[in-house]
Amino acid sequence: MPQYLVRVELFGASSDDYERLHANMDAMGIEREISFSDNSMRQMPSGTYFGFSSLDVTAVRDRVQAFANPLSPQKAAAIFASQVKEGEWSAFLYPA
């Protein structure tokens, strides 16, 4: 199953809106935490998610847009979705 990196920015959103965004992303299997090779869990930067989905990258983007836009009252959410080749990423992140 493909891995995805997704970045979402909401505009004029409340903390409750962001909690709903996090819950929806988690339900998709694309989360705010990532497992490193040493099995430690690390926190992704704010608004950034990583995980697996059986959807293709366009479908991931569209699904995120469907629940993110209603949470972004000032203008449509900014969304970047990228499929990541498994095991081909590197990061400096803080422990989760």
Protein backbone atom coordinates (compact mmCIF):
# COMPACT_ATOMS: atom_id res chain seq x y z
CA MET A 1 0.00 0.00 0.00
CA PRO A 2 1.40 3.43 -0.91
CA GLN A 3 2.70 5.89 1.69
CA TYR A 4 1.67 9.54 1.55
CA LEU A 5 2.90 12.84 2.89
CA VAL A 6 0.06 15.36 3.12
CA ARG A 7 0.24 19.00 4.21
CA VAL A 8 -2.96 20.85 5.05
CA GLU A 9 -3.38 24.50 5.96
CA LEU A 10 -6.72 25.82 7.16
CA PHE A 11 -7.51 29.54 7.09
CA GLY A 12 -9.40 31.15 9.98
CA ALA A 13 -9.92 27.77 11.65
CA SER A 14 -10.50 27.24 15.35
CA SER A 15 -8.73 24.68 17.52
CA ASP A 16 -11.89 22.53 17.29
CA ASP A 17 -11.63 22.67 13.49
CA TYR A 18 -8.04 21.42 13.68
CA GLU A 19 -9.08 18.62 16.05
CA ARG A 20 -11.70 17.55 13.49
CA LEU A 21 -9.06 17.71 10.75
CA HIS A 22 -6.72 15.50 12.82
CA ALA A 23 -9.52 13.00 13.49
CA ASN A 24 -10.43 12.80 9.80
CA MET A 25 -6.81 12.36 8.76
CA ASP A 26 -6.33 9.65 11.42
CA ALA A 27 -9.44 7.87 10.11
CA MET A 28 -7.79 7.81 6.67
CA GLY A 29 -4.66 6.24 8.19
CA ILE A 30 -2.59 9.35 7.48
CA GLU A 31 -1.50 10.66 10.86
CA ARG A 32 0.54 13.31 12.69
CA GLU A 33 3.04 10.77 13.99
CA ILE A 34 5.57 8.64 12.13
CA SER A 35 7.49 5.55 13.16
CA PHE A 36 11.26 5.73 12.72
CA SER A 37 13.42 2.70 11.89
CA ASP A 38 14.31 2.36 15.60
CA ASN A 39 10.55 2.01 16.32
CA SER A 40 10.39 5.40 18.06
CA MET A 41 7.38 7.55 17.28
CA ARG A 42 8.03 11.12 16.14
CA GLN A 43 5.73 14.10 15.71
CA MET A 44 5.27 15.53 12.22
CA PRO A 45 5.38 19.34 11.84
CA SER A 46 2.10 21.18 12.33
CA GLY A 47 -0.41 20.48 9.57
CA THR A 48 1.70 17.65 8.14
CA TYR A 49 0.56 14.04 8.01
CA PHE A 50 2.11 10.75 6.93
CA GLY A 51 0.67 7.29 6.41
CA PHE A 52 -0.64 4.56 4.19
CA SER A 53 -3.69 4.55 1.92
CA SER A 54 -4.96 2.28 -0.82
CA LEU A 55 -6.14 5.39 -2.70
CA ASP A 56 -4.09 7.06 -5.42
CA VAL A 57 -2.60 10.49 -4.75
CA THR A 58 -5.40 12.39 -6.51
CA ALA A 59 -8.07 10.53 -4.51
CA VAL A 60 -6.16 11.23 -1.26
CA ARG A 61 -6.02 14.93 -2.13
CA ASP A 62 -9.72 15.01 -3.06
CA ARG A 63 -10.82 13.17 0.10
CA VAL A 64 -8.80 15.55 2.28
CA GLN A 65 -10.29 18.52 0.41
CA ALA A 66 -13.83 17.25 1.04
CA PHE A 67 -13.48 17.41 4.82
CA ALA A 68 -10.86 20.21 5.09
CA ASN A 69 -12.64 22.93 3.12
CA PRO A 70 -15.64 23.11 5.51
CA LEU A 71 -13.13 23.56 8.37
CA SER A 72 -11.44 26.53 6.63
CA PRO A 73 -13.88 29.45 6.83
CA GLN A 74 -11.81 32.24 5.25
CA LYS A 75 -10.88 30.43 2.04
CA ALA A 76 -10.41 26.91 0.70
CA ALA A 77 -7.84 24.78 2.51
CA ALA A 78 -4.36 24.56 0.97
CA ILE A 79 -3.53 20.88 0.43
CA PHE A 80 -0.37 19.22 -0.82
CA ALA A 81 -0.35 15.43 -1.24
CA SER A 82 2.61 13.38 -2.39
CA GLN A 83 3.14 9.65 -2.70
CA VAL A 84 6.39 8.60 -1.01
CA LYS A 85 8.39 5.61 -2.13
CA GLU A 86 8.45 3.28 0.88
CA GLY A 87 11.52 3.72 3.01
CA GLU A 88 12.80 6.66 0.99
CA TRP A 89 12.49 9.55 3.39
CA SER A 90 14.61 11.12 6.08
CA ALA A 91 13.76 13.54 8.86
CA PHE A 92 14.80 15.31 12.05
CA LEU A 93 11.65 15.26 14.22
CA TYR A 94 10.82 15.54 17.90
CA PRO A 95 9.57 12.53 19.90
CA ALA A 96 5.81 12.13 19.92
